[in-house]
């Protein structure tokens, strides 16, 4: 087991992409620079002061073989799916969807006070759970515990455990930790992370240093953290807002085609056949 504080092995800057019916996103995982960070398949940061950048939304579309996590900072998303779920997630809320063997869903952004911002993370499912029953968790901000530090920093625990406090998103195959940190200027935060887990930080505002590094990572940027069983973060002089995410890698082959992520090409072809034949959602 590796002991010590993790260091930044790589910094990935976002790639601008156009998705859905014309939504502008900043993507750091699932790009030419970083295809896959086992078990994390995609990370998108959406947000704009211009409604034209997001109002077209994501009309009804399929997923299979993955879990998707939507976390809102501002604005709201109206959603519905083939399980019969429908509703609105707003600022501070989380939607964690296990697509399993197949789900169809729609996500339509709605600004609040002219603002819209949030993240979507895709987490891989192990082969044994790829065709599991779809499942849906909606977690309102009121259920997400926040730790307020004396220096004014705030840590929200979305998934995983921090200082004995457990996040409300549970029973996820990758055993993830998902924290949203708003650190005051110069504030330091440290937490253990299993040495075997993949870990990254996505700095979305301000800048931060990791481990004993002297160089800051200024947002927006994703820092891959490797080589130890602790993550230590020091905010820059303007403070820092960042997501800290870790999870157990699967070490399995992946075959992906758009919203489908399976283990073999044959399984992708089966998903496409199911979609054509009307047997995708059971």
Protein backbone atom coordinates (compact mmCIF):
# COMPACT_ATOMS: atom_id res chain seq x y z
CA UNK A 1 0.00 0.00 0.00
CA UNK A 2 1.26 3.47 -0.91
CA UNK A 3 1.56 5.85 1.98
CA UNK A 4 1.83 9.59 1.69
CA UNK A 5 0.15 12.58 0.11
CA UNK A 6 -0.95 12.32 -3.50
CA UNK A 7 0.65 14.53 -6.12
CA UNK A 8 -0.68 15.90 -9.41
CA UNK A 9 0.39 13.58 -12.20
CA UNK A 10 -1.41 15.53 -14.90
CA UNK A 11 -3.54 18.64 -15.42
CA UNK A 12 -6.29 18.46 -18.05
CA UNK A 13 -7.83 21.66 -19.40
CA UNK A 14 -11.47 21.50 -20.57
CA UNK A 15 -12.37 20.95 -24.21
CA UNK A 16 -15.40 22.93 -25.43
CA UNK A 17 -18.03 20.57 -26.86
CA UNK A 18 -21.58 20.78 -28.21
CA UNK A 19 -23.96 18.06 -26.97
CA UNK A 20 -27.67 17.22 -26.88
CA UNK A 21 -29.71 19.55 -29.06
CA UNK A 22 -26.97 22.19 -28.90
CA UNK A 23 -25.71 22.61 -25.33
CA UNK A 24 -22.24 24.12 -24.89
CA UNK A 25 -20.15 22.24 -22.30
CA UNK A 26 -16.62 22.18 -20.88
CA UNK A 27 -15.42 18.53 -20.95
CA UNK A 28 -12.34 17.12 -19.21
CA UNK A 29 -12.94 13.33 -19.24
CA UNK A 30 -13.89 11.70 -22.59
CA UNK A 31 -11.68 13.95 -24.70
CA UNK A 32 -8.66 13.38 -26.94
CA UNK A 33 -6.47 14.41 -24.03
CA UNK A 34 -8.13 12.15 -21.43
CA UNK A 35 -10.33 9.36 -22.75
CA UNK A 36 -11.05 7.44 -19.52
CA UNK A 37 -10.04 7.67 -15.87
CA UNK A 38 -11.18 4.25 -14.59
CA UNK A 39 -13.97 4.07 -13.38
CA UNK A 40 -14.90 7.59 -14.55
CA UNK A 41 -16.00 7.84 -18.17
CA UNK A 42 -16.96 11.49 -18.61
CA UNK A 43 -16.99 14.81 -16.77
CA UNK A 44 -18.88 17.79 -18.17
CA UNK A 45 -19.13 21.25 -16.63
CA UNK A 46 -22.08 23.21 -17.97
CA UNK A 47 -22.91 26.80 -17.26
CA UNK A 48 -23.31 30.09 -19.03
CA UNK A 49 -24.81 33.54 -18.70
CA UNK A 50 -26.20 33.12 -22.23
CA UNK A 51 -29.38 30.98 -22.33
CA UNK A 52 -28.72 30.16 -26.00
CA UNK A 53 -25.80 28.03 -24.78
CA UNK A 54 -28.03 25.53 -22.97
CA UNK A 55 -31.80 26.01 -23.44
CA UNK A 56 -32.03 23.43 -26.28
CA UNK A 57 -31.23 20.82 -23.61
CA UNK A 58 -31.01 17.05 -23.93
CA UNK A 59 -34.19 15.58 -25.49
CA UNK A 60 -35.09 11.94 -24.78
CA UNK A 61 -32.02 9.71 -25.28
CA UNK A 62 -30.84 6.23 -24.19
CA UNK A 63 -28.15 5.01 -21.76
CA UNK A 64 -26.87 1.52 -20.97
CA UNK A 65 -24.02 0.15 -18.83
CA UNK A 66 -23.23 3.28 -16.78
CA UNK A 67 -24.29 5.52 -13.93
CA UNK A 68 -24.78 9.26 -14.50
CA UNK A 69 -24.47 11.88 -11.76
CA UNK A 70 -25.88 15.38 -12.26
CA UNK A 71 -25.01 17.96 -9.60
CA UNK A 72 -26.43 21.48 -9.86
CA UNK A 73 -24.81 24.68 -8.63
CA UNK A 74 -27.33 27.15 -10.11
CA UNK A 75 -30.49 27.02 -12.16
CA UNK A 76 -32.56 23.86 -12.56
CA UNK A 77 -33.03 20.85 -14.83
CA UNK A 78 -36.45 19.42 -15.63
CA UNK A 79 -36.17 15.68 -16.21
CA UNK A 80 -38.26 12.63 -17.06
CA UNK A 81 -37.38 9.04 -17.88
CA UNK A 82 -38.71 5.67 -19.01
CA UNK A 83 -39.01 4.48 -15.37
CA UNK A 84 -41.78 7.02 -14.86
CA UNK A 85 -39.64 9.44 -12.85
CA UNK A 86 -40.15 13.15 -13.50
CA UNK A 87 -39.34 16.32 -11.64
CA UNK A 88 -36.97 19.25 -11.28
CA UNK A 89 -33.54 19.27 -9.66
CA UNK A 90 -32.38 22.71 -8.57
CA UNK A 91 -29.31 24.39 -7.12
CA UNK A 92 -27.48 22.05 -4.71
CA UNK A 93 -29.50 18.97 -5.75
CA UNK A 94 -28.10 15.71 -7.15
CA UNK A 95 -29.56 13.18 -9.58
CA UNK A 96 -27.76 9.79 -9.58
CA UNK A 97 -29.10 7.46 -12.25
CA UNK A 98 -28.06 3.83 -12.72
CA UNK A 99 -28.85 3.14 -16.38
CA UNK A 100 -28.07 -0.59 -16.06
CA UNK A 101 -29.65 -2.60 -18.90
CA UNK A 102 -31.33 0.44 -20.38
CA UNK A 103 -33.11 3.70 -19.66
CA UNK A 104 -34.38 6.59 -21.76
CA UNK A 105 -34.30 10.05 -20.22
CA UNK A 106 -34.63 13.73 -21.00
CA UNK A 107 -32.96 16.71 -19.31
CA UNK A 108 -34.10 20.25 -20.10
CA UNK A 109 -32.26 23.16 -18.43
CA UNK A 110 -34.12 26.07 -16.84
CA UNK A 111 -32.21 29.17 -15.68
CA UNK A 112 -32.94 30.74 -12.31
CA UNK A 113 -32.20 34.48 -11.96
CA UNK A 114 -30.41 34.21 -15.31
CA UNK A 115 -27.97 31.58 -14.03
CA UNK A 116 -27.32 27.96 -14.93
CA UNK A 117 -24.35 25.85 -13.82
CA UNK A 118 -23.63 22.26 -12.87
CA UNK A 119 -21.77 19.05 -13.63
CA UNK A 120 -22.44 15.64 -15.10
CA UNK A 121 -20.17 12.71 -14.26
CA UNK A 122 -20.44 9.25 -15.83
CA UNK A 123 -19.31 6.30 -13.70
CA UNK A 124 -18.72 2.87 -15.25
CA UNK A 125 -20.58 -0.22 -14.08
CA UNK A 126 -18.73 -3.54 -13.67
CA UNK A 127 -19.54 -6.26 -16.21
CA UNK A 128 -21.68 -8.16 -13.69
CA UNK A 129 -23.96 -5.10 -13.22
CA UNK A 130 -24.10 -3.74 -16.77
CA UNK A 131 -27.52 -5.33 -17.37
CA UNK A 132 -28.87 -4.69 -13.88
CA UNK A 133 -32.30 -3.15 -13.18
CA UNK A 134 -32.21 0.63 -13.81
CA UNK A 135 -32.36 2.74 -10.66
CA UNK A 136 -32.79 6.39 -9.88
CA UNK A 137 -31.82 8.49 -6.85
CA UNK A 138 -32.80 12.12 -6.49
CA UNK A 139 -31.17 13.89 -3.55
CA UNK A 140 -32.28 17.38 -2.56
CA UNK A 141 -29.74 19.86 -1.19
CA UNK A 142 -31.41 19.69 2.24
CA UNK A 143 -30.24 16.04 2.53
CA UNK A 144 -26.60 16.74 1.60
CA UNK A 145 -24.55 17.33 4.75
CA UNK A 146 -22.21 20.30 4.79
CA UNK A 147 -19.23 20.81 7.09
CA UNK A 148 -18.58 24.48 7.84
CA UNK A 149 -15.02 25.21 8.99
CA UNK A 150 -13.93 28.03 11.29
CA UNK A 151 -12.18 29.75 8.38
CA UNK A 152 -15.48 29.89 6.46
CA UNK A 153 -14.74 26.94 4.18
CA UNK A 154 -17.64 24.62 3.33
CA UNK A 155 -17.40 20.93 2.36
CA UNK A 156 -20.49 19.19 1.00
CA UNK A 157 -20.52 15.38 1.24
CA UNK A 158 -22.47 14.03 -1.73
CA UNK A 159 -21.15 10.46 -1.63
CA UNK A 160 -18.67 8.64 0.59
CA UNK A 161 -17.72 9.41 4.19
CA UNK A 162 -15.88 12.39 5.62
CA UNK A 163 -15.08 12.71 9.33
CA UNK A 164 -17.78 10.18 10.16
CA UNK A 165 -20.42 11.94 8.06
CA UNK A 166 -21.88 9.82 5.25
CA UNK A 167 -23.15 11.32 2.02
CA UNK A 168 -26.73 10.48 1.00
CA UNK A 169 -25.85 8.85 -2.35
CA UNK A 170 -25.16 5.19 -1.50
CA UNK A 171 -25.03 1.66 -2.95
CA UNK A 172 -22.90 2.71 -5.93
CA UNK A 173 -20.66 0.02 -7.43
CA UNK A 174 -17.50 2.16 -7.63
CA UNK A 175 -17.58 3.00 -3.88
CA UNK A 176 -17.14 6.67 -4.77
CA UNK A 177 -16.37 9.71 -2.69
CA UNK A 178 -17.81 12.89 -4.18
CA UNK A 179 -17.14 16.15 -2.31
CA UNK A 180 -17.82 19.76 -3.26
CA UNK A 181 -15.29 22.02 -1.54
CA UNK A 182 -15.52 25.79 -1.22
CA UNK A 183 -12.24 26.75 0.45
CA UNK A 184 -11.41 30.16 1.87
CA UNK A 185 -8.24 31.91 0.75
CA UNK A 186 -5.20 29.95 1.99
CA UNK A 187 -7.36 27.28 3.67
CA UNK A 188 -6.02 23.73 3.82
CA UNK A 189 -8.09 20.55 3.53
CA UNK A 190 -6.87 16.96 3.84
CA UNK A 191 -8.68 13.63 3.71
CA UNK A 192 -7.66 9.96 3.41
CA UNK A 193 -8.28 8.20 0.07
CA UNK A 194 -7.73 4.46 -0.42
CA UNK A 195 -4.37 4.06 -2.17
CA UNK A 196 -5.98 1.71 -4.72
CA UNK A 197 -8.65 4.26 -5.77
CA UNK A 198 -8.55 6.63 -8.70
CA UNK A 199 -8.81 10.25 -7.57
CA UNK A 200 -9.16 13.60 -9.29
CA UNK A 201 -9.98 17.19 -8.41
CA UNK A 202 -11.87 19.50 -10.73
CA UNK A 203 -11.13 23.13 -9.86
CA UNK A 204 -14.05 25.15 -11.17
CA UNK A 205 -13.24 28.49 -9.52
CA UNK A 206 -10.12 30.03 -8.07
CA UNK A 207 -6.91 28.02 -7.74
CA UNK A 208 -5.42 25.38 -5.44
CA UNK A 209 -2.19 23.54 -4.68
CA UNK A 210 -2.12 19.78 -4.11
CA UNK A 211 0.20 17.94 -1.75
CA UNK A 212 3.47 19.80 -1.25
CA UNK A 213 3.50 21.34 -4.73
CA UNK A 214 4.36 25.02 -5.04
CA UNK A 215 2.53 25.41 -8.35
CA UNK A 216 -1.20 26.16 -8.32
CA UNK A 217 -3.82 24.59 -10.53
CA UNK A 218 -6.11 27.40 -11.68
CA UNK A 219 -9.64 26.58 -12.76
CA UNK A 220 -11.29 25.44 -14.80
CA UNK A 221 -9.04 22.38 -14.84
CA UNK A 222 -8.94 18.74 -13.76
CA UNK A 223 -5.98 17.48 -11.73
CA UNK A 224 -5.31 13.73 -11.63
CA UNK A 225 -4.02 12.81 -8.16
CA UNK A 226 -1.75 9.77 -7.78
CA UNK A 227 0.67 8.01 -5.48
CA UNK A 228 -0.60 8.02 -1.89
CA UNK A 229 -3.41 7.44 0.58
CA UNK A 230 -4.17 11.09 1.40
CA UNK A 231 -5.25 14.13 -0.59
CA UNK A 232 -4.14 17.52 0.73
CA UNK A 233 -5.38 20.76 -0.84
CA UNK A 234 -4.41 24.37 -0.14
CA UNK A 235 -6.54 27.12 -1.64
CA UNK A 236 -4.95 30.06 -3.45
CA UNK A 237 -5.22 33.69 -2.42
CA UNK A 238 -8.65 34.03 -4.08
CA UNK A 239 -9.91 30.81 -2.49
CA UNK A 240 -10.93 27.72 -4.45
CA UNK A 241 -14.08 25.85 -5.40
CA UNK A 242 -13.55 22.28 -6.53
CA UNK A 243 -14.98 18.80 -6.78
CA UNK A 244 -12.91 16.02 -5.18
CA UNK A 245 -13.89 12.63 -6.59
CA UNK A 246 -12.46 9.15 -6.06
CA UNK A 247 -13.56 5.59 -6.77
CA UNK A 248 -12.42 2.00 -7.19
CA UNK A 249 -11.12 1.24 -10.70
CA UNK A 250 -12.70 -1.76 -12.45
CA UNK A 251 -9.75 -2.81 -14.62
CA UNK A 252 -12.16 -4.17 -17.26
CA UNK A 253 -12.17 -3.64 -21.02
CA UNK A 254 -14.55 -0.95 -22.25
CA UNK A 255 -16.41 -0.59 -25.52
CA UNK A 256 -18.25 2.68 -25.91
CA UNK A 257 -20.61 4.12 -28.45
CA UNK A 258 -22.18 7.43 -27.47
CA UNK A 259 -24.44 6.81 -24.46
CA UNK A 260 -23.65 3.06 -24.29
CA UNK A 261 -20.62 1.73 -22.43
CA UNK A 262 -20.19 -2.05 -22.40
CA UNK A 263 -17.27 -4.49 -22.31
CA UNK A 264 -17.34 -5.76 -25.91
CA UNK A 265 -18.26 -4.51 -29.36
CA UNK A 266 -20.85 -7.30 -29.62
CA UNK A 267 -22.65 -5.89 -26.55
CA UNK A 268 -22.73 -2.45 -28.19
CA UNK A 269 -24.22 -3.95 -31.35
CA UNK A 270 -26.85 -5.72 -29.20
CA UNK A 271 -27.76 -2.39 -27.56
CA UNK A 272 -28.24 -0.83 -31.00
CA UNK A 273 -30.39 -3.78 -32.10
CA UNK A 274 -32.49 -3.49 -28.94
CA UNK A 275 -32.98 0.21 -29.65
CA UNK A 276 -34.09 -0.49 -33.23
CA UNK A 277 -36.37 -3.37 -32.20
CA UNK A 278 -38.09 -1.50 -29.38
CA UNK A 279 -36.74 -3.92 -26.75
CA UNK A 280 -34.21 -1.53 -25.19
CA UNK A 281 -36.42 -0.56 -22.24
CA UNK A 282 -38.14 -3.53 -20.55
